[in-house]
Amino acid sequence: MKTILIIPIIILCAVISIISCNNSSKKIPFFSKKEIPYKSDTILILNLEFKETKLLKPIMDKVTSFYHLPVILKSSQLPQYAYYKPRNRYRADSILNFLERYNKNHFRFIAALTSKDISHTNTQKKVKDYGIIGLGSTNNKGCISSSFKLKKNVTEAKFLERLQKVTLHEIGHNHGLTKVPGHHCSSAYPCFMKDAKGKLTTIDNWPMDLCKDCRDEIGLKR
């Protein structure tokens, strides 16, 4: 009698294991060698429910021309565990953890774009859920840029410019910029690695360029 009961339990466990693996593979895709021609030299631009798809190409072109690295485009869904229901937005720090798992060292960086509102815990202001435009990790987990706050009352050209600057800024953090307190440029010269402090006017005043100090720090040539 015990033997008869054990066999169905073993079969049930096997089925659950297979289903679990299938669900996991859907969330964190496997990339074949053909899909990663440059591997560690490539920046992956990841569309995480980014609705302004016609802006993807000019953003990708700007990233390639500025950082001198090839880019490829993929799409995925935002991880549901990053969703913060009380404010109807997504936690950027949880998204970075998702990107780290998604990457598995296949790409130099993953720069994700979304149209959803994002937030993180601001320890300086002691705010648990602080709305932000972007977040980038200096330990190469990846970066996320949100168009949610960038598109209000501006032309499409200005909207694109803001997105390009924010994307370049967050990738700058992935490059290791900067190691000063607050992880922002402290140079006296104009630079898009300056702290925007959540102000769109500051982003509008950023040049589409790094200062000499930041360029030298990562060895980026013109």
N, C-alpha and C. Protein backbone atom coordinates (compact mmCIF):
# COMPACT_ATOMS: atom_id res chain seq x y z
N MET A 1 0.83 -1.22 0.00
CA MET A 1 0.00 0.00 0.00
C MET A 1 0.86 1.26 0.00
N LYS A 2 1.93 1.25 0.79
CA LYS A 2 2.83 2.42 0.86
C LYS A 2 3.50 2.67 -0.47
N THR A 3 3.89 1.56 -1.15
CA THR A 3 4.55 1.69 -2.45
C THR A 3 3.63 2.33 -3.46
N ILE A 4 2.36 1.96 -3.43
CA ILE A 4 1.37 2.52 -4.37
C ILE A 4 1.21 4.02 -4.16
N LEU A 5 1.27 4.47 -2.92
CA LEU A 5 1.13 5.89 -2.61
C LEU A 5 2.37 6.69 -3.00
N ILE A 6 3.53 6.12 -2.82
CA ILE A 6 4.80 6.82 -3.10
C ILE A 6 4.95 7.16 -4.57
N ILE A 7 4.57 6.24 -5.46
CA ILE A 7 4.75 6.43 -6.90
C ILE A 7 4.01 7.66 -7.42
N PRO A 8 2.69 7.84 -7.09
CA PRO A 8 2.00 9.05 -7.55
C PRO A 8 2.62 10.33 -7.02
N ILE A 9 3.13 10.29 -5.77
CA ILE A 9 3.76 11.49 -5.18
C ILE A 9 5.01 11.85 -5.95
N ILE A 10 5.81 10.85 -6.33
CA ILE A 10 7.03 11.10 -7.12
C ILE A 10 6.68 11.71 -8.47
N ILE A 11 5.64 11.15 -9.11
CA ILE A 11 5.20 11.67 -10.41
C ILE A 11 4.73 13.12 -10.29
N LEU A 12 3.97 13.42 -9.22
CA LEU A 12 3.46 14.77 -9.00
C LEU A 12 4.60 15.75 -8.80
N CYS A 13 5.60 15.38 -8.02
CA CYS A 13 6.77 16.25 -7.79
C CYS A 13 7.51 16.53 -9.08
N ALA A 14 7.62 15.52 -9.94
CA ALA A 14 8.32 15.68 -11.22
C ALA A 14 7.58 16.66 -12.11
N VAL A 15 6.24 16.56 -12.15
CA VAL A 15 5.43 17.47 -12.96
C VAL A 15 5.57 18.90 -12.48
N ILE A 16 5.52 19.10 -11.14
CA ILE A 16 5.67 20.45 -10.57
C ILE A 16 7.03 21.03 -10.91
N SER A 17 8.06 20.19 -10.86
CA SER A 17 9.42 20.63 -11.18
C SER A 17 9.53 21.09 -12.62
N ILE A 18 8.90 20.35 -13.54
CA ILE A 18 8.94 20.70 -14.98
C ILE A 18 8.22 22.01 -15.23
N ILE A 19 7.03 22.17 -14.60
CA ILE A 19 6.26 23.41 -14.76
C ILE A 19 7.03 24.60 -14.24
N SER A 20 7.68 24.42 -13.07
CA SER A 20 8.47 25.48 -12.46
C SER A 20 9.60 25.92 -13.36
N CYS A 21 10.29 24.94 -13.96
CA CYS A 21 11.40 25.26 -14.87
C CYS A 21 10.92 26.01 -16.09
N ASN A 22 9.76 25.60 -16.63
CA ASN A 22 9.21 26.26 -17.81
C ASN A 22 8.85 27.70 -17.51
N ASN A 23 8.22 27.95 -16.36
CA ASN A 23 7.85 29.32 -15.97
C ASN A 23 9.08 30.17 -15.77
N SER A 24 10.12 29.59 -15.14
CA SER A 24 11.36 30.32 -14.89
C SER A 24 12.03 30.71 -16.19
N SER A 25 12.03 29.79 -17.17
CA SER A 25 12.69 30.07 -18.44
C SER A 25 11.98 31.16 -19.21
N LYS A 26 10.66 31.31 -19.00
CA LYS A 26 9.92 32.37 -19.67
C LYS A 26 10.29 33.73 -19.10
N LYS A 27 10.55 33.78 -17.79
CA LYS A 27 10.89 35.04 -17.14
C LYS A 27 12.33 35.44 -17.44
N ILE A 28 13.24 34.50 -17.39
CA ILE A 28 14.65 34.76 -17.62
C ILE A 28 15.10 33.98 -18.85
N PRO A 29 15.05 34.60 -20.03
CA PRO A 29 15.30 33.87 -21.27
C PRO A 29 16.75 33.44 -21.43
N PHE A 30 16.93 32.38 -22.18
CA PHE A 30 18.26 31.91 -22.52
C PHE A 30 18.64 32.49 -23.89
N PHE A 31 19.85 32.99 -24.01
CA PHE A 31 20.32 33.55 -25.27
C PHE A 31 21.31 32.60 -25.93
N SER A 32 21.06 32.32 -27.20
CA SER A 32 21.99 31.47 -27.95
C SER A 32 23.17 32.31 -28.42
N LYS A 33 24.24 31.64 -28.84
CA LYS A 33 25.43 32.36 -29.31
C LYS A 33 25.14 33.20 -30.54
N LYS A 34 24.20 32.74 -31.37
CA LYS A 34 23.84 33.50 -32.58
C LYS A 34 23.18 34.83 -32.24
N GLU A 35 22.49 34.87 -31.09
CA GLU A 35 21.82 36.10 -30.68
C GLU A 35 22.78 37.09 -30.04
N ILE A 36 23.97 36.64 -29.67
CA ILE A 36 24.94 37.49 -28.98
C ILE A 36 26.26 37.50 -29.75
N PRO A 37 26.28 38.15 -30.91
CA PRO A 37 27.49 38.11 -31.73
C PRO A 37 28.69 38.78 -31.08
N TYR A 38 28.45 39.77 -30.19
CA TYR A 38 29.56 40.50 -29.57
C TYR A 38 29.73 40.16 -28.09
N LYS A 39 28.72 39.55 -27.52
CA LYS A 39 28.68 39.14 -26.13
C LYS A 39 29.08 40.29 -25.21
N SER A 40 30.23 40.20 -24.52
CA SER A 40 30.55 41.14 -23.45
C SER A 40 30.80 42.57 -23.95
N ASP A 41 30.96 42.77 -25.25
CA ASP A 41 31.17 44.12 -25.77
C ASP A 41 29.85 44.82 -26.11
N THR A 42 28.75 44.12 -25.98
CA THR A 42 27.47 44.64 -26.44
C THR A 42 26.62 45.21 -25.31
N ILE A 43 25.92 46.31 -25.60
CA ILE A 43 24.91 46.84 -24.69
C ILE A 43 23.55 46.34 -25.19
N LEU A 44 22.81 45.71 -24.30
CA LEU A 44 21.46 45.29 -24.63
C LEU A 44 20.49 46.39 -24.23
N ILE A 45 19.73 46.89 -25.20
CA ILE A 45 18.64 47.81 -24.91
C ILE A 45 17.40 46.95 -24.73
N LEU A 46 16.85 46.95 -23.52
CA LEU A 46 15.74 46.08 -23.19
C LEU A 46 14.46 46.89 -23.04
N ASN A 47 13.50 46.60 -23.92
CA ASN A 47 12.19 47.25 -23.85
C ASN A 47 11.35 46.56 -22.78
N LEU A 48 11.17 47.26 -21.65
CA LEU A 48 10.32 46.76 -20.57
C LEU A 48 9.03 47.56 -20.55
N GLU A 49 8.14 47.20 -21.47
CA GLU A 49 6.84 47.88 -21.60
C GLU A 49 7.03 49.37 -21.88
N PHE A 50 7.94 49.63 -22.83
CA PHE A 50 8.20 50.99 -23.30
C PHE A 50 7.33 51.24 -24.52
N LYS A 51 6.38 52.16 -24.41
CA LYS A 51 5.36 52.34 -25.44
C LYS A 51 5.84 53.19 -26.62
N GLU A 52 6.80 54.06 -26.39
CA GLU A 52 7.23 54.99 -27.45
C GLU A 52 8.26 54.30 -28.35
N THR A 53 7.84 53.22 -28.99
CA THR A 53 8.77 52.35 -29.72
C THR A 53 9.48 53.04 -30.88
N LYS A 54 8.86 54.06 -31.46
CA LYS A 54 9.52 54.74 -32.60
C LYS A 54 10.75 55.53 -32.16
N LEU A 55 10.90 55.72 -30.85
CA LEU A 55 12.07 56.44 -30.34
C LEU A 55 13.23 55.50 -30.01
N LEU A 56 12.98 54.20 -30.09
CA LEU A 56 14.02 53.25 -29.73
C LEU A 56 15.25 53.35 -30.64
N LYS A 57 15.03 53.47 -31.94
CA LYS A 57 16.18 53.52 -32.86
C LYS A 57 17.06 54.74 -32.60
N PRO A 58 16.49 55.97 -32.52
CA PRO A 58 17.38 57.10 -32.24
C PRO A 58 18.07 57.01 -30.88
N ILE A 59 17.44 56.39 -29.91
CA ILE A 59 18.10 56.19 -28.61
C ILE A 59 19.26 55.21 -28.76
N MET A 60 19.02 54.11 -29.48
CA MET A 60 20.07 53.12 -29.70
C MET A 60 21.22 53.71 -30.50
N ASP A 61 20.89 54.51 -31.51
CA ASP A 61 21.94 55.14 -32.33
C ASP A 61 22.79 56.07 -31.48
N LYS A 62 22.16 56.80 -30.56
CA LYS A 62 22.89 57.72 -29.69
C LYS A 62 23.81 56.96 -28.74
N VAL A 63 23.33 55.86 -28.19
CA VAL A 63 24.15 55.05 -27.28
C VAL A 63 25.37 54.50 -28.02
N THR A 64 25.16 53.99 -29.23
CA THR A 64 26.26 53.42 -30.02
C THR A 64 27.29 54.48 -30.39
N SER A 65 26.83 55.63 -30.87
CA SER A 65 27.75 56.67 -31.32
C SER A 65 28.51 57.29 -30.16
N PHE A 66 27.88 57.33 -28.98
CA PHE A 66 28.54 57.98 -27.84
C PHE A 66 29.52 57.05 -27.13
N TYR A 67 29.09 55.83 -26.83
CA TYR A 67 29.94 54.92 -26.06
C TYR A 67 30.77 53.98 -26.94
N HIS A 68 30.59 54.07 -28.26
CA HIS A 68 31.37 53.27 -29.21
C HIS A 68 31.25 51.77 -28.93
N LEU A 69 30.04 51.35 -28.60
CA LEU A 69 29.76 49.94 -28.36
C LEU A 69 28.53 49.53 -29.17
N PRO A 70 28.51 48.32 -29.71
CA PRO A 70 27.33 47.86 -30.44
C PRO A 70 26.15 47.64 -29.50
N VAL A 71 24.96 47.79 -30.02
CA VAL A 71 23.75 47.56 -29.23
C VAL A 71 22.82 46.61 -29.97
N ILE A 72 22.04 45.85 -29.20
CA ILE A 72 20.97 45.06 -29.78
C ILE A 72 19.71 45.29 -28.94
N LEU A 73 18.57 44.98 -29.51
CA LEU A 73 17.29 45.26 -28.87
C LEU A 73 16.55 43.96 -28.56
N LYS A 74 16.02 43.89 -27.34
CA LYS A 74 15.14 42.80 -26.92
C LYS A 74 13.95 43.40 -26.17
N SER A 75 12.92 42.61 -26.02
CA SER A 75 11.74 43.05 -25.27
C SER A 75 11.38 42.02 -24.20
N SER A 76 10.84 42.52 -23.10
CA SER A 76 10.39 41.64 -22.03
C SER A 76 9.32 42.37 -21.22
N GLN A 77 8.71 41.67 -20.29
CA GLN A 77 7.74 42.27 -19.39
C GLN A 77 8.42 42.69 -18.09
N LEU A 78 7.90 43.71 -17.48
CA LEU A 78 8.40 44.10 -16.17
C LEU A 78 8.11 42.97 -15.17
N PRO A 79 9.04 42.70 -14.27
CA PRO A 79 8.78 41.65 -13.28
C PRO A 79 7.68 42.07 -12.32
N GLN A 80 6.74 41.21 -12.10
CA GLN A 80 5.60 41.55 -11.25
C GLN A 80 6.00 41.77 -9.80
N TYR A 81 7.09 41.13 -9.38
CA TYR A 81 7.52 41.32 -7.99
C TYR A 81 8.06 42.73 -7.74
N ALA A 82 8.33 43.48 -8.84
CA ALA A 82 8.80 44.86 -8.69
C ALA A 82 7.65 45.85 -8.54
N TYR A 83 6.43 45.39 -8.76
CA TYR A 83 5.27 46.28 -8.72
C TYR A 83 4.94 46.68 -7.29
N TYR A 84 4.79 48.00 -7.08
CA TYR A 84 4.44 48.54 -5.77
C TYR A 84 3.01 49.08 -5.84
N LYS A 85 2.08 48.26 -5.41
CA LYS A 85 0.66 48.53 -5.58
C LYS A 85 0.19 49.83 -4.92
N PRO A 86 0.65 50.17 -3.70
CA PRO A 86 0.15 51.39 -3.05
C PRO A 86 0.35 52.67 -3.87
N ARG A 87 1.39 52.70 -4.72
CA ARG A 87 1.65 53.89 -5.54
C ARG A 87 1.50 53.61 -7.04
N ASN A 88 1.08 52.41 -7.38
CA ASN A 88 0.89 52.02 -8.78
C ASN A 88 2.13 52.29 -9.62
N ARG A 89 3.26 51.84 -9.13
CA ARG A 89 4.49 51.98 -9.89
C ARG A 89 5.46 50.84 -9.56
N TYR A 90 6.61 50.86 -10.20
CA TYR A 90 7.55 49.74 -10.09
C TYR A 90 8.82 50.17 -9.36
N ARG A 91 9.30 49.28 -8.52
CA ARG A 91 10.52 49.54 -7.75
C ARG A 91 11.74 49.33 -8.64
N ALA A 92 12.50 50.42 -8.83
CA ALA A 92 13.65 50.37 -9.73
C ALA A 92 14.75 49.45 -9.20
N ASP A 93 14.94 49.39 -7.88
CA ASP A 93 15.97 48.52 -7.34
C ASP A 93 15.64 47.04 -7.60
N SER A 94 14.36 46.70 -7.56
CA SER A 94 13.95 45.33 -7.89
C SER A 94 14.14 45.05 -9.37
N ILE A 95 13.93 46.06 -10.21
CA ILE A 95 14.15 45.91 -11.65
C ILE A 95 15.62 45.64 -11.94
N LEU A 96 16.52 46.33 -11.22
CA LEU A 96 17.95 46.11 -11.41
C LEU A 96 18.33 44.67 -11.03
N ASN A 97 17.73 44.15 -9.99
CA ASN A 97 17.98 42.75 -9.62
C ASN A 97 17.51 41.81 -10.73
N PHE A 98 16.37 42.15 -11.33
CA PHE A 98 15.84 41.37 -12.46
C PHE A 98 16.83 41.41 -13.63
N LEU A 99 17.37 42.59 -13.92
CA LEU A 99 18.31 42.74 -15.03
C LEU A 99 19.58 41.94 -14.81
N GLU A 100 20.04 41.89 -13.57
CA GLU A 100 21.24 41.12 -13.25
C GLU A 100 21.01 39.64 -13.56
N ARG A 101 19.84 39.13 -13.18
CA ARG A 101 19.50 37.73 -13.46
C ARG A 101 19.29 37.51 -14.96
N TYR A 102 18.71 38.49 -15.62
CA TYR A 102 18.43 38.42 -17.06
C TYR A 102 19.73 38.36 -17.85
N ASN A 103 20.72 39.10 -17.39
CA ASN A 103 21.97 39.24 -18.13
C ASN A 103 22.81 37.96 -18.11
N LYS A 104 23.10 37.46 -16.92
CA LYS A 104 23.95 36.27 -16.75
C LYS A 104 25.30 36.44 -17.46
N ASN A 105 25.84 37.67 -17.40
CA ASN A 105 27.16 38.01 -17.98
C ASN A 105 27.21 37.88 -19.50
N HIS A 106 26.06 37.88 -20.15
CA HIS A 106 26.06 37.82 -21.61
C HIS A 106 26.43 39.18 -22.23
N PHE A 107 26.03 40.26 -21.59
CA PHE A 107 26.19 41.59 -22.18
C PHE A 107 27.05 42.50 -21.29
N ARG A 108 27.64 43.49 -21.93
CA ARG A 108 28.43 44.47 -21.17
C ARG A 108 27.53 45.18 -20.16
N PHE A 109 26.42 45.72 -20.66
CA PHE A 109 25.41 46.34 -19.81
C PHE A 109 24.03 46.02 -20.37
N ILE A 110 23.02 46.11 -19.52
CA ILE A 110 21.63 46.11 -19.99
C ILE A 110 21.03 47.44 -19.61
N ALA A 111 20.61 48.18 -20.62
CA ALA A 111 19.94 49.47 -20.41
C ALA A 111 18.47 49.28 -20.74
N ALA A 112 17.65 49.25 -19.70
CA ALA A 112 16.22 49.03 -19.88
C ALA A 112 15.46 50.34 -19.99
N LEU A 113 14.40 50.31 -20.78
CA LEU A 113 13.52 51.47 -20.95
C LEU A 113 12.09 51.06 -20.64
N THR A 114 11.37 51.93 -19.93
CA THR A 114 9.97 51.66 -19.64
C THR A 114 9.16 52.95 -19.68
N SER A 115 7.87 52.81 -19.93
CA SER A 115 6.96 53.96 -19.87
C SER A 115 6.27 54.05 -18.51
N LYS A 116 6.52 53.06 -17.66
CA LYS A 116 5.89 53.03 -16.35
C LYS A 116 6.62 53.94 -15.36
N ASP A 117 5.89 54.37 -14.35
CA ASP A 117 6.48 55.15 -13.27
C ASP A 117 7.35 54.23 -12.42
N ILE A 118 8.51 54.73 -11.96
CA ILE A 118 9.42 53.92 -11.15
C ILE A 118 9.84 54.68 -9.89
N SER A 119 10.33 53.94 -8.92
CA SER A 119 10.72 54.56 -7.65
C SER A 119 11.80 53.73 -6.98
N HIS A 120 12.38 54.30 -5.91
CA HIS A 120 13.33 53.55 -5.08
C HIS A 120 13.33 54.15 -3.68
N THR A 121 14.09 53.57 -2.80
CA THR A 121 14.21 54.10 -1.44
C THR A 121 15.30 55.15 -1.41
N ASN A 122 14.94 56.38 -1.08
CA ASN A 122 15.90 57.48 -0.99
C ASN A 122 16.36 57.59 0.45
N THR A 123 17.57 57.08 0.70
CA THR A 123 18.08 57.06 2.08
C THR A 123 18.46 58.46 2.57
N GLN A 124 18.89 59.33 1.64
CA GLN A 124 19.27 60.69 2.04
C GLN A 124 18.06 61.48 2.51
N LYS A 125 16.96 61.35 1.79
CA LYS A 125 15.74 62.07 2.16
C LYS A 125 14.84 61.25 3.08
N LYS A 126 15.26 60.02 3.36
CA LYS A 126 14.51 59.11 4.23
C LYS A 126 13.08 58.90 3.74
N VAL A 127 12.97 58.66 2.43
CA VAL A 127 11.68 58.39 1.80
C VAL A 127 11.71 56.96 1.28
N LYS A 128 10.76 56.15 1.73
CA LYS A 128 10.74 54.74 1.38
C LYS A 128 10.46 54.52 -0.10
N ASP A 129 9.54 55.29 -0.66
CA ASP A 129 9.15 55.11 -2.07
C ASP A 129 9.22 56.46 -2.77
N TYR A 130 10.39 56.75 -3.33
CA TYR A 130 10.67 58.05 -3.93
C TYR A 130 10.66 57.93 -5.45
N GLY A 131 9.80 58.69 -6.11
CA GLY A 131 9.70 58.62 -7.56
C GLY A 131 10.95 59.13 -8.25
N ILE A 132 11.40 58.41 -9.28
CA ILE A 132 12.62 58.78 -9.98
C ILE A 132 12.44 58.63 -11.49
N ILE A 133 13.41 59.14 -12.23
CA ILE A 133 13.41 59.07 -13.70
C ILE A 133 14.26 57.90 -14.17
N GLY A 134 15.30 57.59 -13.42
CA GLY A 134 16.17 56.49 -13.81
C GLY A 134 17.03 56.03 -12.65
N LEU A 135 17.60 54.84 -12.80
CA LEU A 135 18.49 54.30 -11.78
C LEU A 135 19.51 53.40 -12.47
N GLY A 136 20.77 53.63 -12.12
CA GLY A 136 21.85 52.82 -12.68
C GLY A 136 22.78 52.33 -11.60
N SER A 137 23.25 51.13 -11.74
CA SER A 137 24.11 50.53 -10.74
C SER A 137 25.57 50.64 -11.14
N THR A 138 26.43 51.00 -10.19
CA THR A 138 27.86 51.07 -10.49
C THR A 138 28.52 49.69 -10.37
N ASN A 139 27.78 48.68 -9.92
CA ASN A 139 28.34 47.32 -9.88
C ASN A 139 27.82 46.48 -11.04
N ASN A 140 27.34 47.18 -12.10
CA ASN A 140 26.97 46.55 -13.36
C ASN A 140 25.77 45.62 -13.27
N LYS A 141 24.82 45.92 -12.42
CA LYS A 141 23.56 45.16 -12.46
C LYS A 141 22.74 45.56 -13.67
N GLY A 142 22.94 46.79 -14.14
CA GLY A 142 22.17 47.30 -15.26
C GLY A 142 21.60 48.66 -14.91
N CYS A 143 20.73 49.17 -15.77
CA CYS A 143 20.11 50.46 -15.50
C CYS A 143 18.71 50.49 -16.10
N ILE A 144 17.89 51.35 -15.55
CA ILE A 144 16.52 51.52 -16.02
C ILE A 144 16.23 53.00 -16.16
N SER A 145 15.61 53.38 -17.29
CA SER A 145 15.19 54.76 -17.53
C SER A 145 13.69 54.75 -17.82
N SER A 146 13.00 55.70 -17.22
CA SER A 146 11.54 55.78 -17.37
C SER A 146 11.16 57.06 -18.11
N SER A 147 10.25 56.92 -19.06
CA SER A 147 9.76 58.08 -19.81
C SER A 147 8.57 58.75 -19.11
N PHE A 148 8.12 58.16 -18.02
CA PHE A 148 6.87 58.57 -17.38
C PHE A 148 6.84 60.06 -17.03
N LYS A 149 7.92 60.58 -16.47
CA LYS A 149 7.96 61.97 -16.04
C LYS A 149 8.60 62.90 -17.07
N LEU A 150 9.10 62.34 -18.16
CA LEU A 150 9.86 63.12 -19.13
C LEU A 150 9.03 63.73 -20.25
N LYS A 151 7.81 63.23 -20.45
CA LYS A 151 7.05 63.59 -21.64
C LYS A 151 6.01 64.68 -21.43
N LYS A 152 5.97 65.26 -20.23
CA LYS A 152 4.94 66.24 -19.92
C LYS A 152 5.24 67.61 -20.54
N ASN A 153 4.29 68.08 -21.35
CA ASN A 153 4.32 69.45 -21.90
C ASN A 153 5.60 69.78 -22.68
N VAL A 154 6.07 68.82 -23.48
CA VAL A 154 7.25 69.07 -24.32
C VAL A 154 7.01 68.55 -25.73
N THR A 155 7.78 69.06 -26.67
CA THR A 155 7.72 68.57 -28.04
C THR A 155 8.33 67.17 -28.10
N GLU A 156 8.06 66.46 -29.18
CA GLU A 156 8.63 65.11 -29.33
C GLU A 156 10.15 65.17 -29.39
N ALA A 157 10.69 66.24 -30.02
CA ALA A 157 12.14 66.39 -30.13
C ALA A 157 12.78 66.55 -28.74
N LYS A 158 12.15 67.36 -27.90
CA LYS A 158 12.68 67.58 -26.54
C LYS A 158 12.52 66.30 -25.71
N PHE A 159 11.41 65.61 -25.89
CA PHE A 159 11.17 64.35 -25.19
C PHE A 159 12.25 63.33 -25.53
N LEU A 160 12.58 63.21 -26.82
CA LEU A 160 13.63 62.29 -27.25
C LEU A 160 14.98 62.69 -26.66
N GLU A 161 15.27 63.98 -26.68
CA GLU A 161 16.54 64.47 -26.14
C GLU A 161 16.67 64.11 -24.66
N ARG A 162 15.60 64.29 -23.91
CA ARG A 162 15.63 63.93 -22.49
C ARG A 162 15.89 62.44 -22.30
N LEU A 163 15.19 61.63 -23.09
CA LEU A 163 15.37 60.17 -22.98
C LEU A 163 16.80 59.75 -23.31
N GLN A 164 17.36 60.36 -24.34
CA GLN A 164 18.74 60.05 -24.72
C GLN A 164 19.71 60.42 -23.60
N LYS A 165 19.53 61.60 -23.03
CA LYS A 165 20.42 62.06 -21.95
C LYS A 165 20.32 61.15 -20.72
N VAL A 166 19.09 60.83 -20.33
CA VAL A 166 18.89 60.00 -19.15
C VAL A 166 19.46 58.60 -19.37
N THR A 167 19.26 58.05 -20.57
CA THR A 167 19.81 56.72 -20.88
C THR A 167 21.33 56.73 -20.84
N LEU A 168 21.94 57.76 -21.45
CA LEU A 168 23.41 57.89 -21.42
C LEU A 168 23.90 58.05 -19.98
N HIS A 169 23.18 58.82 -19.20
CA HIS A 169 23.52 59.06 -17.79
C HIS A 169 23.53 57.74 -17.00
N GLU A 170 22.48 56.95 -17.14
CA GLU A 170 22.38 55.70 -16.39
C GLU A 170 23.43 54.68 -16.84
N ILE A 171 23.71 54.64 -18.14
CA ILE A 171 24.79 53.77 -18.63
C ILE A 171 26.12 54.25 -18.09
N GLY A 172 26.25 55.56 -17.90
CA GLY A 172 27.46 56.12 -17.29
C GLY A 172 27.70 55.53 -15.91
N HIS A 173 26.62 55.36 -15.14
CA HIS A 173 26.75 54.71 -13.83
C HIS A 173 27.22 53.28 -13.99
N ASN A 174 26.71 52.57 -15.01
CA ASN A 174 27.15 51.19 -15.25
C ASN A 174 28.64 51.13 -15.57
N HIS A 175 29.13 52.18 -16.21
CA HIS A 175 30.57 52.27 -16.52
C HIS A 175 31.39 52.51 -15.25
N GLY A 176 30.73 52.88 -14.17
CA GLY A 176 31.45 53.15 -12.91
C GLY A 176 31.48 54.62 -12.56
N LEU A 177 30.80 55.46 -13.36
CA LEU A 177 30.76 56.89 -13.06
C LEU A 177 29.67 57.17 -12.04
N THR A 178 29.96 57.93 -11.08
CA THR A 178 31.30 58.31 -10.67
C THR A 178 31.49 57.79 -9.27
N LYS A 179 32.73 57.83 -8.80
CA LYS A 179 33.04 57.26 -7.50
C LYS A 179 32.99 58.29 -6.39
N VAL A 180 32.55 59.49 -6.70
CA VAL A 180 32.41 60.52 -5.67
C VAL A 180 31.14 60.26 -4.87
N PRO A 181 31.01 60.85 -3.66
CA PRO A 181 29.79 60.66 -2.87
C PRO A 181 28.54 61.05 -3.66
N GLY A 182 27.55 60.19 -3.63
CA GLY A 182 26.32 60.45 -4.39
C GLY A 182 26.38 59.92 -5.80
N HIS A 183 27.57 59.47 -6.23
CA HIS A 183 27.75 58.87 -7.56
C HIS A 183 27.37 59.83 -8.69
N HIS A 184 27.70 61.09 -8.54
CA HIS A 184 27.46 62.06 -9.60
C HIS A 184 28.69 62.94 -9.79
N CYS A 185 28.79 63.52 -10.97
CA CYS A 185 29.96 64.32 -11.34
C CYS A 185 30.06 65.57 -10.46
N SER A 186 31.27 65.83 -9.98
CA SER A 186 31.51 67.02 -9.15
C SER A 186 32.37 68.05 -9.87
N SER A 187 32.60 67.83 -11.16
CA SER A 187 33.41 68.74 -11.95
C SER A 187 32.72 70.10 -12.09
N ALA A 188 33.51 71.13 -12.30
CA ALA A 188 32.95 72.47 -12.51
C ALA A 188 32.44 72.64 -13.94
N TYR A 189 32.73 71.67 -14.79
CA TYR A 189 32.36 71.77 -16.20
C TYR A 189 31.02 71.08 -16.47
N PRO A 190 30.31 71.51 -17.52
CA PRO A 190 29.03 70.87 -17.88
C PRO A 190 29.22 69.38 -18.15
N CYS A 191 28.24 68.57 -17.71
CA CYS A 191 28.36 67.12 -17.84
C CYS A 191 27.01 66.49 -17.58
N PHE A 192 26.64 65.46 -18.36
CA PHE A 192 25.34 64.84 -18.12
C PHE A 192 25.36 63.87 -16.93
N MET A 193 26.54 63.75 -16.27
CA MET A 193 26.60 62.94 -15.05
C MET A 193 26.36 63.78 -13.80
N LYS A 194 26.00 65.04 -13.97
CA LYS A 194 25.60 65.85 -12.82
C LYS A 194 24.30 65.30 -12.24
N ASP A 195 24.10 65.54 -10.96
CA ASP A 195 22.87 65.09 -10.31
C ASP A 195 21.70 65.96 -10.76
N ALA A 196 20.68 65.33 -11.36
CA ALA A 196 19.51 66.09 -11.82
C ALA A 196 18.63 66.52 -10.66
N LYS A 197 18.75 65.82 -9.53
CA LYS A 197 17.95 66.10 -8.33
C LYS A 197 16.45 66.10 -8.62
N GLY A 198 16.08 65.27 -9.59
CA GLY A 198 14.67 65.10 -9.92
C GLY A 198 14.06 66.25 -10.71
N LYS A 199 14.89 67.17 -11.20
CA LYS A 199 14.38 68.35 -11.91
C LYS A 199 14.58 68.21 -13.41
N LEU A 200 13.51 68.37 -14.16
CA LEU A 200 13.59 68.28 -15.62
C LEU A 200 14.39 69.43 -16.20
N THR A 201 14.35 70.59 -15.57
CA THR A 201 15.12 71.74 -16.05
C THR A 201 16.62 71.45 -16.01
N THR A 202 17.06 70.69 -15.00
CA THR A 202 18.47 70.32 -14.92
C THR A 202 18.84 69.39 -16.07
N ILE A 203 17.98 68.43 -16.36
CA ILE A 203 18.23 67.52 -17.49
C ILE A 203 18.28 68.30 -18.80
N ASP A 204 17.38 69.25 -18.96
CA ASP A 204 17.36 70.07 -20.18
C ASP A 204 18.65 70.87 -20.32
N ASN A 205 19.26 71.22 -19.20
CA ASN A 205 20.50 72.01 -19.24
C ASN A 205 21.76 71.15 -19.36
N TRP A 206 21.60 69.84 -19.17
CA TRP A 206 22.75 68.96 -19.38
C TRP A 206 23.21 69.05 -20.83
N PRO A 207 24.52 69.00 -21.08
CA PRO A 207 24.97 68.81 -22.46
C PRO A 207 24.81 67.34 -22.82
N MET A 208 24.82 67.02 -24.09
CA MET A 208 24.79 65.61 -24.51
C MET A 208 26.23 65.11 -24.53
N ASP A 209 26.90 65.27 -23.38
CA ASP A 209 28.32 64.95 -23.33
C ASP A 209 28.79 64.81 -21.88
N LEU A 210 29.91 64.13 -21.74
CA LEU A 210 30.60 64.04 -20.47
C LEU A 210 31.68 65.11 -20.38
N CYS A 211 32.00 65.52 -19.18
CA CYS A 211 33.13 66.43 -19.00
C CYS A 211 34.43 65.63 -19.20
N LYS A 212 35.54 66.33 -19.29
CA LYS A 212 36.83 65.66 -19.53
C LYS A 212 37.17 64.70 -18.38
N ASP A 213 36.87 65.10 -17.15
CA ASP A 213 37.20 64.25 -16.00
C ASP A 213 36.48 62.90 -16.09
N CYS A 214 35.19 62.93 -16.44
CA CYS A 214 34.42 61.68 -16.54
C CYS A 214 34.88 60.85 -17.73
N ARG A 215 35.19 61.51 -18.84
CA ARG A 215 35.70 60.77 -20.00
C ARG A 215 37.01 60.06 -19.65
N ASP A 216 37.89 60.79 -18.99
CA ASP A 216 39.18 60.21 -18.62
C ASP A 216 38.99 59.04 -17.64
N GLU A 217 38.01 59.18 -16.75
CA GLU A 217 37.79 58.15 -15.73
C GLU A 217 37.44 56.80 -16.37
N ILE A 218 36.71 56.81 -17.47
CA ILE A 218 36.32 55.54 -18.11
C ILE A 218 37.08 55.29 -19.41
N GLY A 219 38.02 56.20 -19.74
CA GLY A 219 38.83 56.01 -20.94
C GLY A 219 38.04 56.15 -22.23
N LEU A 220 37.05 57.06 -22.22
CA LEU A 220 36.20 57.24 -23.41
C LEU A 220 36.77 58.33 -24.30
N LYS A 221 37.07 57.96 -25.54
CA LYS A 221 37.60 58.92 -26.51
C LYS A 221 36.48 59.55 -27.31
N ARG A 222 36.73 60.68 -27.87
CA ARG A 222 35.75 61.36 -28.72
C ARG A 222 35.72 60.71 -30.10
